[in-house]
Amino acid sequence: MTLTINTNIPSLIAQRNLENATKSLNTSLERMTTGFKINKASDNAAGYSIADKWVTHLSSLDIATDNASMGNDLLTTTEETYGLLTSHLQRIRDLAVQAGNGTYGSTSLKAMQSEIYARLEEISRISGNAEYNGIKLMLYSMQASDADFNKKLGMSSDGINLQVGLYAEGDSVINLDIDLFKNATVSGLFKSMESTTIQGVTLKNMMDDAKASTFTPSSSKYNSDDGYAIFSAACSGLKVLSKNSNTGEYSFILQTATNRGANKMIGFIDEAITDISSRVTSIGAAQNRVDSAITALDVQSQNITSSLSTLRDTDVASESSKYIQSQILQQASATLLATANQSPSIALNLI
């Protein structure tokens, strides 16, 4: 081998190997301190792209799970509120059954009417105040004329969509039908059945029978003081005779024996209870779907996390071995570099 002074090939070789060993040592050190074997695109370009997408998906899956959980809370709120309405309707039904018995005088029937009136008010109050995160849950009107009113409720005619997936496609959305959130005030429950015939009479017939010719309601709406008075009178076998303009109190008279309709109101109340029961059944089915979506999201998140770990996480046992190996090579290269740098000095012995 040629002995030269200006060019020290052994030193260059030692320098190159020292640089490689140091680079490998730094890479192992970075991987063990971050816990990731892919820290930048140059580590694994394809793997970096895949890992970045999976991290995004995991974040979105967490949000989707929260969305589903909030949807479940909304449904639970709606269901429990419907339970309150049902309890009031059941009590009104009990009072109508009681009033339908001919053993009660006008004083007793007026007492029943007063309780029915209060419970009708409470049904509308509960329905009007039922909301979740600013969304009114029991006021949506199916009448086209109420479109402007519906816009204020926080939902459209399509109902409420729960975003429980990663994408905009239908499979990532669970729709809660608008029928679950229809108007559940006294008007919402009974106005639509005015023409329904039960025991030979319609609900409108019953309301007309519960008004004396001397009484002219100021409002035809069921959700009004006059509406509650007429409805409660029908349920208790009374007629609204008049209303005191100063005190707002109503006076009543007994309906005649031929058209006394307290017991005939039972069927209409049953219709309302059935309506609510149908809504609650649908809510239960929707809750099962949402629960299933949450489970699926958890499984999907777990599998992506496992895949991401395989792709990106550092195998500490393997990397620590590489670290020790690189450390030894670095030390050896440094020692040999010092030796190689002294090699040209041998030439002095020849001069």
Foldseek 3Di string as FASTA:
>chain_A
DDFDDPDQVLLVVLVVLLVVLVVLLVLLVVQVVVQWNPDDCVSPVVLVVVLVVLVVQLVVLVVLLVLLVLVLVLLVLLLVLLVVLLVLLVVLLVLLVVLVDPPDDPVVLVVSLVSQLVSLLVQQVSQQPRDDPQARQADDEPDPVCQVVNVNRPDDQQADWGQNHDDPDPVRIDTDHCLLRYHRRPCRLQVVQQVPDDPRHGVVVLLVLQEDPQEDDPDPGCNDSVNSSSVSSSLNQWHFDYADPVPRDTDIDGGDPVPRHNNVCSVSSVSSSVSSVVSSVSSVVSSVVSVVSSVVSVVVSVVSVVVSCVSIGDPSVVSVVSSVVSVVSSVVSVVSSVVSSCSSVVVVVVD
